[in-house]
Structure formats: structure tokens, C-alpha cells
Amino acid sequence: MTSSAAPSPASAPRPWRLVLASQSPARLTTLRRAGLDPEAIVSEVDESIIVEPDPVQLSARLAELKAEAVFERLTWDRPVIVVGCDSILSLAGQACGKPGSRAAAAGLWRRTRGRSAVLVTGHHLIVAGAQIDRATRVAQTVVHFADLSDAEIDAYVATGEPERVAGGFTIDGLGGPFVTGLEGDPHNVVGLSLPLLRLMLADLGVTWTALWS
């Protein structure tokens, strides 16, 4: 069972400015439901310029580029945290990002139906206070896909959703019924691993509860 809203923690001073270097509504919603109050700034990074066949390395590099691009544009008068993420589906070791078209989405689904793949999300964190610290880590979740019929694939692709998301599917949208199981953090499949982000923040001296809004 999931909660539609996070509990309201006790009020406390919020010295940190939290910035999400992403245009993803799902990532923003995930953080807000976890009690944080980020602002979203689009990185405008051209992902096509990165040529990296390994899905893990690719997701980490893109997450780093997005966070650093946003951080460079910031003007700040208090401590700031920038979070950059990028998700890639690893299908038999091949990197599959956003299909970008209905034809590509349909082709991807015909390859993934009835199979398992790994959703890889790179996380790059910049914590800028008295000093500037950085960390990059990757979360991986195994995704088991239903064995869809051609008619189901065509109907899903016709909605337009799968062409816009990493791996051509969602678990928090219209694609949810087509995923039969997960092994690992489900938040990671939505686009951001909350447990991993908590650990990364702790490594850089920031407690998760200090960021509650």
C-alpha cells in the first residue's frame, strides 16, 4: 500500500536549498511525497552527444552532466543541494533510453514483452555549503514485463506515453498493468531511488530529515 501524501514532519529551520536538475514530473512528485520541497530546473543537456554503450556508465555520466549544468547556472546565498538523475533500461546489456517515437516504442515492447530487464538510474549529487562535495552512484532494479499481445502493445503505444519515458514504460502510469514484478527499489523505476539518495546525502554530511519541508 502506498500513501498519496507524506506525513507532515515537525517544523524546523530549512537551511538547504534543494534543486532537482530534471524536467521529470515523476521525480519531482517522488521527492515531494517523501516530504522534501525541491525546485526543478531543466538542465538543457543534449543527451545525444554522449556515446557510451554501457547502460550503467551512460546513466551515471548523464546524471553528472545534468546536475553540473544546473549547478553552474545557479546563484545562491545559502547552502544548496543539486540532484541530477538519468534512467536507462538495460536489455541484455543494451542501453534503451526514451524511444522518441511510436514506432520505436512498439519495437522496444516487442523485444521486452515476456522478458526481464534492468532499469538503471544514475544519481549525481552536489552539496555546496562551507565546501563543495560531489558523489555519483547508480541504482538498479530488475523489471519483469508481461507477455503482451500485439493489440495491447499497439493500444499502449497509441497513448503516446511509452515514447516519452526511459525504457518505454511506466509503473506509475498507463504502463503499470504491464509490469508483473520488480526486484529492487520501485522508486528507482519511477526515476529516483530514495534509499540511495538518503545514503548519498548522509555520506556528504546531510541527514534526510533535515530536508523535510
C-alpha atoms as a PDB file:
ATOM      1  CA  MET A   1       0.000   0.000   0.000  1.00  0.00           C
ATOM      2  CA  THR A   2       1.295   3.460  -0.876  1.00  0.00           C
ATOM      3  CA  SER A   3       0.418   6.810   0.637  1.00  0.00           C
ATOM      4  CA  SER A   4      -0.837   9.623  -1.553  1.00  0.00           C
ATOM      5  CA  ALA A   5       0.949  12.179   0.596  1.00  0.00           C
ATOM      6  CA  ALA A   6       3.850  12.264   3.013  1.00  0.00           C
ATOM      7  CA  PRO A   7       3.231  12.954   6.696  1.00  0.00           C
ATOM      8  CA  SER A   8       3.947  16.477   7.870  1.00  0.00           C
ATOM      9  CA  PRO A   9       7.135  16.387   9.949  1.00  0.00           C
ATOM     10  CA  ALA A  10       7.636  18.841  12.779  1.00  0.00           C
ATOM     11  CA  SER A  11       8.583  22.262  11.507  1.00  0.00           C
ATOM     12  CA  ALA A  12      12.263  23.154  11.674  1.00  0.00           C
ATOM     13  CA  PRO A  13      14.633  25.610  10.032  1.00  0.00           C
ATOM     14  CA  ARG A  14      15.462  24.677   6.442  1.00  0.00           C
ATOM     15  CA  PRO A  15      18.960  25.931   5.675  1.00  0.00           C
ATOM     16  CA  TRP A  16      19.269  23.949   2.459  1.00  0.00           C
ATOM     17  CA  ARG A  17      18.061  24.926  -0.966  1.00  0.00           C
ATOM     18  CA  LEU A  18      17.223  21.711  -2.810  1.00  0.00           C
ATOM     19  CA  VAL A  19      17.349  21.704  -6.617  1.00  0.00           C
ATOM     20  CA  LEU A  20      16.293  18.845  -8.872  1.00  0.00           C
ATOM     21  CA  ALA A  21      18.113  19.046 -12.195  1.00  0.00           C
ATOM     22  CA  SER A  22      15.309  17.433 -14.157  1.00  0.00           C
ATOM     23  CA  GLN A  23      12.111  18.154 -16.044  1.00  0.00           C
ATOM     24  CA  SER A  24      10.599  14.842 -14.903  1.00  0.00           C
ATOM     25  CA  PRO A  25       7.260  15.318 -13.101  1.00  0.00           C
ATOM     26  CA  ALA A  26       7.610  11.804 -11.672  1.00  0.00           C
ATOM     27  CA  ARG A  27      10.930  12.580  -9.975  1.00  0.00           C
ATOM     28  CA  LEU A  28       9.591  15.842  -8.590  1.00  0.00           C
ATOM     29  CA  THR A  29       6.480  14.108  -7.248  1.00  0.00           C
ATOM     30  CA  THR A  30       8.566  11.321  -5.698  1.00  0.00           C
ATOM     31  CA  LEU A  31      10.636  13.815  -3.711  1.00  0.00           C
ATOM     32  CA  ARG A  32       7.620  15.831  -2.642  1.00  0.00           C
ATOM     33  CA  ARG A  33       5.747  12.757  -1.442  1.00  0.00           C
ATOM     34  CA  ALA A  34       8.812  11.882   0.615  1.00  0.00           C
ATOM     35  CA  GLY A  35       8.499  15.192   2.456  1.00  0.00           C
ATOM     36  CA  LEU A  36      11.026  17.296   0.535  1.00  0.00           C
ATOM     37  CA  ASP A  37      10.403  20.609  -1.213  1.00  0.00           C
ATOM     38  CA  PRO A  38      12.684  20.774  -4.262  1.00  0.00           C
ATOM     39  CA  GLU A  39      12.618  23.243  -7.093  1.00  0.00           C
ATOM     40  CA  ALA A  40      13.042  21.813 -10.566  1.00  0.00           C
ATOM     41  CA  ILE A  41      15.442  23.352 -13.084  1.00  0.00           C
ATOM     42  CA  VAL A  42      15.834  21.784 -16.510  1.00  0.00           C
ATOM     43  CA  SER A  43      19.474  21.096 -17.349  1.00  0.00           C
ATOM     44  CA  GLU A  44      19.084  21.518 -21.141  1.00  0.00           C
ATOM     45  CA  VAL A  45      21.853  18.957 -21.634  1.00  0.00           C
ATOM     46  CA  ASP A  46      21.907  17.429 -25.115  1.00  0.00           C
ATOM     47  CA  GLU A  47      21.925  13.720 -24.256  1.00  0.00           C
ATOM     48  CA  SER A  48      22.699  12.717 -27.828  1.00  0.00           C
ATOM     49  CA  ILE A  49      26.277  13.973 -27.555  1.00  0.00           C
ATOM     50  CA  ILE A  50      27.214  11.205 -25.102  1.00  0.00           C
ATOM     51  CA  VAL A  51      28.271   7.990 -26.796  1.00  0.00           C
ATOM     52  CA  GLU A  52      28.569   5.264 -24.162  1.00  0.00           C
ATOM     53  CA  PRO A  53      27.361   1.705 -24.823  1.00  0.00           C
ATOM     54  CA  ASP A  54      27.361   0.596 -21.202  1.00  0.00           C
ATOM     55  CA  PRO A  55      23.985   1.474 -19.577  1.00  0.00           C
ATOM     56  CA  VAL A  56      25.468   1.915 -16.089  1.00  0.00           C
ATOM     57  CA  GLN A  57      28.222   4.256 -17.241  1.00  0.00           C
ATOM     58  CA  LEU A  58      25.813   6.113 -19.515  1.00  0.00           C
ATOM     59  CA  SER A  59      23.253   6.781 -16.780  1.00  0.00           C
ATOM     60  CA  ALA A  60      25.942   7.961 -14.364  1.00  0.00           C
ATOM     61  CA  ARG A  61      27.535  10.273 -16.917  1.00  0.00           C
ATOM     62  CA  LEU A  62      24.249  11.843 -17.963  1.00  0.00           C
ATOM     63  CA  ALA A  63      23.199  12.360 -14.339  1.00  0.00           C
ATOM     64  CA  GLU A  64      26.519  14.104 -13.691  1.00  0.00           C
ATOM     65  CA  LEU A  65      26.204  16.349 -16.733  1.00  0.00           C
ATOM     66  CA  LYS A  66      22.663  17.386 -15.807  1.00  0.00           C
ATOM     67  CA  ALA A  67      23.497  18.238 -12.195  1.00  0.00           C
ATOM     68  CA  GLU A  68      26.691  20.099 -13.076  1.00  0.00           C
ATOM     69  CA  ALA A  69      24.979  22.098 -15.845  1.00  0.00           C
ATOM     70  CA  VAL A  70      22.314  23.319 -13.446  1.00  0.00           C
ATOM     71  CA  PHE A  71      24.806  23.987 -10.644  1.00  0.00           C
ATOM     72  CA  GLU A  72      26.902  26.193 -12.938  1.00  0.00           C
ATOM     73  CA  ARG A  73      23.876  28.392 -13.636  1.00  0.00           C
ATOM     74  CA  LEU A  74      22.857  28.849 -10.016  1.00  0.00           C
ATOM     75  CA  THR A  75      23.317  31.948  -7.929  1.00  0.00           C
ATOM     76  CA  TRP A  76      22.909  31.097  -4.275  1.00  0.00           C
ATOM     77  CA  ASP A  77      23.191  32.841  -0.937  1.00  0.00           C
ATOM     78  CA  ARG A  78      22.645  29.776   1.255  1.00  0.00           C
ATOM     79  CA  PRO A  79      23.759  26.139   1.142  1.00  0.00           C
ATOM     80  CA  VAL A  80      22.436  24.308  -1.895  1.00  0.00           C
ATOM     81  CA  ILE A  81      21.977  20.682  -2.906  1.00  0.00           C
ATOM     82  CA  VAL A  82      21.638  19.723  -6.567  1.00  0.00           C
ATOM     83  CA  VAL A  83      20.379  16.294  -7.590  1.00  0.00           C
ATOM     84  CA  GLY A  84      20.758  15.037 -11.144  1.00  0.00           C
ATOM     85  CA  CYS A  85      19.340  11.722 -12.369  1.00  0.00           C
ATOM     86  CA  ASP A  86      19.111   9.780 -15.577  1.00  0.00           C
ATOM     87  CA  SER A  87      17.372   6.457 -16.230  1.00  0.00           C
ATOM     88  CA  ILE A  88      18.237   3.842 -18.830  1.00  0.00           C
ATOM     89  CA  LEU A  89      16.731   0.408 -19.445  1.00  0.00           C
ATOM     90  CA  SER A  90      19.385  -2.262 -19.823  1.00  0.00           C
ATOM     91  CA  LEU A  91      18.024  -5.037 -22.030  1.00  0.00           C
ATOM     92  CA  ALA A  92      20.551  -7.842 -22.365  1.00  0.00           C
ATOM     93  CA  GLY A  93      23.250  -5.236 -21.731  1.00  0.00           C
ATOM     94  CA  GLN A  94      21.974  -2.847 -24.400  1.00  0.00           C
ATOM     95  CA  ALA A  95      21.081   0.703 -23.356  1.00  0.00           C
ATOM     96  CA  CYS A  96      17.483   1.686 -24.127  1.00  0.00           C
ATOM     97  CA  GLY A  97      16.506   5.259 -23.325  1.00  0.00           C
ATOM     98  CA  LYS A  98      13.383   7.120 -24.357  1.00  0.00           C
ATOM     99  CA  PRO A  99      12.126   5.604 -27.628  1.00  0.00           C
ATOM    100  CA  GLY A 100      11.259   9.037 -29.004  1.00  0.00           C
ATOM    101  CA  SER A 101       8.677   7.776 -31.488  1.00  0.00           C
ATOM    102  CA  ARG A 102       5.710   5.418 -31.537  1.00  0.00           C
ATOM    103  CA  ALA A 103       7.439   3.080 -33.963  1.00  0.00           C
ATOM    104  CA  ALA A 104      10.493   2.804 -31.724  1.00  0.00           C
ATOM    105  CA  ALA A 105       8.319   2.295 -28.639  1.00  0.00           C
ATOM    106  CA  ALA A 106       6.391  -0.502 -30.328  1.00  0.00           C
ATOM    107  CA  GLY A 107       9.608  -2.162 -31.421  1.00  0.00           C
ATOM    108  CA  LEU A 108      11.043  -1.961 -27.907  1.00  0.00           C
ATOM    109  CA  TRP A 109       7.931  -3.504 -26.381  1.00  0.00           C
ATOM    110  CA  ARG A 110       8.004  -6.366 -28.854  1.00  0.00           C
ATOM    111  CA  ARG A 111      11.544  -7.073 -27.635  1.00  0.00           C
ATOM    112  CA  THR A 112      10.818  -6.748 -23.903  1.00  0.00           C
ATOM    113  CA  ARG A 113       7.430  -8.496 -23.571  1.00  0.00           C
ATOM    114  CA  GLY A 114       7.649 -11.654 -21.521  1.00  0.00           C
ATOM    115  CA  ARG A 115      11.240 -10.847 -20.560  1.00  0.00           C
ATOM    116  CA  SER A 116      13.150  -9.172 -17.766  1.00  0.00           C
ATOM    117  CA  ALA A 117      15.419  -6.144 -17.992  1.00  0.00           C
ATOM    118  CA  VAL A 118      17.227  -3.844 -15.574  1.00  0.00           C
ATOM    119  CA  LEU A 119      16.211  -0.237 -15.010  1.00  0.00           C
ATOM    120  CA  VAL A 120      19.389   1.685 -14.244  1.00  0.00           C
ATOM    121  CA  THR A 121      19.287   5.184 -12.736  1.00  0.00           C
ATOM    122  CA  GLY A 122      22.384   7.294 -12.294  1.00  0.00           C
ATOM    123  CA  HIS A 123      22.389   9.777  -9.415  1.00  0.00           C
ATOM    124  CA  HIS A 124      24.797  12.717  -9.177  1.00  0.00           C
ATOM    125  CA  LEU A 125      24.735  14.815  -6.027  1.00  0.00           C
ATOM    126  CA  ILE A 126      26.347  18.198  -5.387  1.00  0.00           C
ATOM    127  CA  VAL A 127      26.326  19.532  -1.828  1.00  0.00           C
ATOM    128  CA  ALA A 128      27.583  23.101  -1.655  1.00  0.00           C
ATOM    129  CA  GLY A 129      27.883  24.602   1.799  1.00  0.00           C
ATOM    130  CA  ALA A 130      31.104  25.583   3.534  1.00  0.00           C
ATOM    131  CA  GLN A 131      32.732  23.438   0.843  1.00  0.00           C
ATOM    132  CA  ILE A 132      31.549  21.706  -2.324  1.00  0.00           C
ATOM    133  CA  ASP A 133      31.270  17.917  -2.290  1.00  0.00           C
ATOM    134  CA  ARG A 134      30.108  15.582  -5.035  1.00  0.00           C
ATOM    135  CA  ALA A 135      29.061  11.963  -5.321  1.00  0.00           C
ATOM    136  CA  THR A 136      27.842   9.707  -8.125  1.00  0.00           C
ATOM    137  CA  ARG A 137      26.140   6.360  -7.671  1.00  0.00           C
ATOM    138  CA  VAL A 138      23.839   4.090  -9.665  1.00  0.00           C
ATOM    139  CA  ALA A 139      20.749   2.137  -8.579  1.00  0.00           C
ATOM    140  CA  GLN A 140      19.491  -0.915 -10.455  1.00  0.00           C
ATOM    141  CA  THR A 141      16.072  -2.589 -10.346  1.00  0.00           C
ATOM    142  CA  VAL A 142      15.086  -5.737 -12.224  1.00  0.00           C
ATOM    143  CA  VAL A 143      11.800  -5.308 -14.124  1.00  0.00           C
ATOM    144  CA  HIS A 144       9.661  -8.253 -15.240  1.00  0.00           C
ATOM    145  CA  PHE A 145       7.433  -7.448 -18.218  1.00  0.00           C
ATOM    146  CA  ALA A 146       4.108  -9.085 -19.043  1.00  0.00           C
ATOM    147  CA  ASP A 147       3.832 -11.046 -22.275  1.00  0.00           C
ATOM    148  CA  LEU A 148       1.641  -8.534 -24.080  1.00  0.00           C
ATOM    149  CA  SER A 149      -0.279  -9.247 -27.253  1.00  0.00           C
ATOM    150  CA  ASP A 150       0.360  -7.156 -30.361  1.00  0.00           C
ATOM    151  CA  ALA A 151      -3.011  -5.494 -29.814  1.00  0.00           C
ATOM    152  CA  GLU A 152      -2.081  -4.472 -26.252  1.00  0.00           C
ATOM    153  CA  ILE A 153       1.253  -3.076 -27.407  1.00  0.00           C
ATOM    154  CA  ASP A 154      -0.402  -1.111 -30.200  1.00  0.00           C
ATOM    155  CA  ALA A 155      -3.016   0.288 -27.817  1.00  0.00           C
ATOM    156  CA  TYR A 156      -0.397   1.330 -25.259  1.00  0.00           C
ATOM    157  CA  VAL A 157       1.850   2.903 -27.883  1.00  0.00           C
ATOM    158  CA  ALA A 158      -1.137   4.827 -29.275  1.00  0.00           C
ATOM    159  CA  THR A 159      -1.467   6.665 -25.931  1.00  0.00           C
ATOM    160  CA  GLY A 160       1.877   8.350 -26.548  1.00  0.00           C
ATOM    161  CA  GLU A 161       3.168   7.546 -23.065  1.00  0.00           C
ATOM    162  CA  PRO A 162       5.886   4.968 -23.837  1.00  0.00           C
ATOM    163  CA  GLU A 163       7.726   7.094 -26.400  1.00  0.00           C
ATOM    164  CA  ARG A 164       8.399   9.770 -23.754  1.00  0.00           C
ATOM    165  CA  VAL A 165       9.817   7.661 -20.918  1.00  0.00           C
ATOM    166  CA  ALA A 166      13.009   5.684 -20.347  1.00  0.00           C
ATOM    167  CA  GLY A 167      12.633   2.105 -21.480  1.00  0.00           C
ATOM    168  CA  GLY A 168       9.237   2.837 -22.995  1.00  0.00           C
ATOM    169  CA  PHE A 169       7.225   2.044 -19.868  1.00  0.00           C
ATOM    170  CA  THR A 170       5.991   3.338 -16.527  1.00  0.00           C
ATOM    171  CA  ILE A 171       4.857   1.693 -13.308  1.00  0.00           C
ATOM    172  CA  ASP A 172       3.036   4.781 -12.038  1.00  0.00           C
ATOM    173  CA  GLY A 173       1.075   5.437 -15.213  1.00  0.00           C
ATOM    174  CA  LEU A 174      -0.661   3.598 -18.008  1.00  0.00           C
ATOM    175  CA  GLY A 175       2.148   1.036 -18.196  1.00  0.00           C
ATOM    176  CA  GLY A 176       1.666  -0.200 -14.628  1.00  0.00           C
ATOM    177  CA  PRO A 177      -0.513  -3.227 -15.523  1.00  0.00           C
ATOM    178  CA  PHE A 178       2.126  -4.413 -17.991  1.00  0.00           C
ATOM    179  CA  VAL A 179       4.852  -4.875 -15.356  1.00  0.00           C
ATOM    180  CA  THR A 180       4.428  -8.136 -13.447  1.00  0.00           C
ATOM    181  CA  GLY A 181       7.130  -7.671 -10.836  1.00  0.00           C
ATOM    182  CA  LEU A 182      10.175  -5.789  -9.590  1.00  0.00           C
ATOM    183  CA  GLU A 183      13.338  -6.819  -7.809  1.00  0.00           C
ATOM    184  CA  GLY A 184      14.799  -3.815  -6.026  1.00  0.00           C
ATOM    185  CA  ASP A 185      13.703  -0.290  -5.222  1.00  0.00           C
ATOM    186  CA  PRO A 186      10.437   0.630  -7.018  1.00  0.00           C
ATOM    187  CA  HIS A 187      11.199   4.351  -6.654  1.00  0.00           C
ATOM    188  CA  ASN A 188      14.202   3.779  -8.870  1.00  0.00           C
ATOM    189  CA  VAL A 189      11.906   2.676 -11.699  1.00  0.00           C
ATOM    190  CA  VAL A 190       9.944   5.906 -11.343  1.00  0.00           C
ATOM    191  CA  GLY A 191      13.231   7.738 -11.836  1.00  0.00           C
ATOM    192  CA  LEU A 192      14.938   8.324  -8.499  1.00  0.00           C
ATOM    193  CA  SER A 193      15.968   5.940  -5.711  1.00  0.00           C
ATOM    194  CA  LEU A 194      15.009   7.479  -2.376  1.00  0.00           C
ATOM    195  CA  PRO A 195      17.022   4.981  -0.271  1.00  0.00           C
ATOM    196  CA  LEU A 196      20.136   5.539  -2.374  1.00  0.00           C
ATOM    197  CA  LEU A 197      19.742   9.310  -2.280  1.00  0.00           C
ATOM    198  CA  ARG A 198      19.422   9.196   1.535  1.00  0.00           C
ATOM    199  CA  LEU A 199      22.695   7.257   1.774  1.00  0.00           C
ATOM    200  CA  MET A 200      24.460   9.612  -0.629  1.00  0.00           C
ATOM    201  CA  LEU A 201      23.347  12.635   1.370  1.00  0.00           C
ATOM    202  CA  ALA A 202      24.486  11.007   4.612  1.00  0.00           C
ATOM    203  CA  ASP A 203      27.911  10.315   3.110  1.00  0.00           C
ATOM    204  CA  LEU A 204      28.192  14.045   2.389  1.00  0.00           C
ATOM    205  CA  GLY A 205      27.055  15.077   5.866  1.00  0.00           C
ATOM    206  CA  VAL A 206      23.376  15.834   5.254  1.00  0.00           C
ATOM    207  CA  THR A 207      20.656  13.967   7.135  1.00  0.00           C
ATOM    208  CA  TRP A 208      17.486  13.176   5.213  1.00  0.00           C
ATOM    209  CA  THR A 209      15.185  14.510   7.921  1.00  0.00           C
ATOM    210  CA  ALA A 210      16.945  17.896   7.824  1.00  0.00           C
ATOM    211  CA  LEU A 211      15.442  18.328   4.356  1.00  0.00           C
ATOM    212  CA  TRP A 212      11.840  17.674   5.359  1.00  0.00           C
ATOM    213  CA  SER A 213       9.608  20.579   4.448  1.00  0.00           C
END
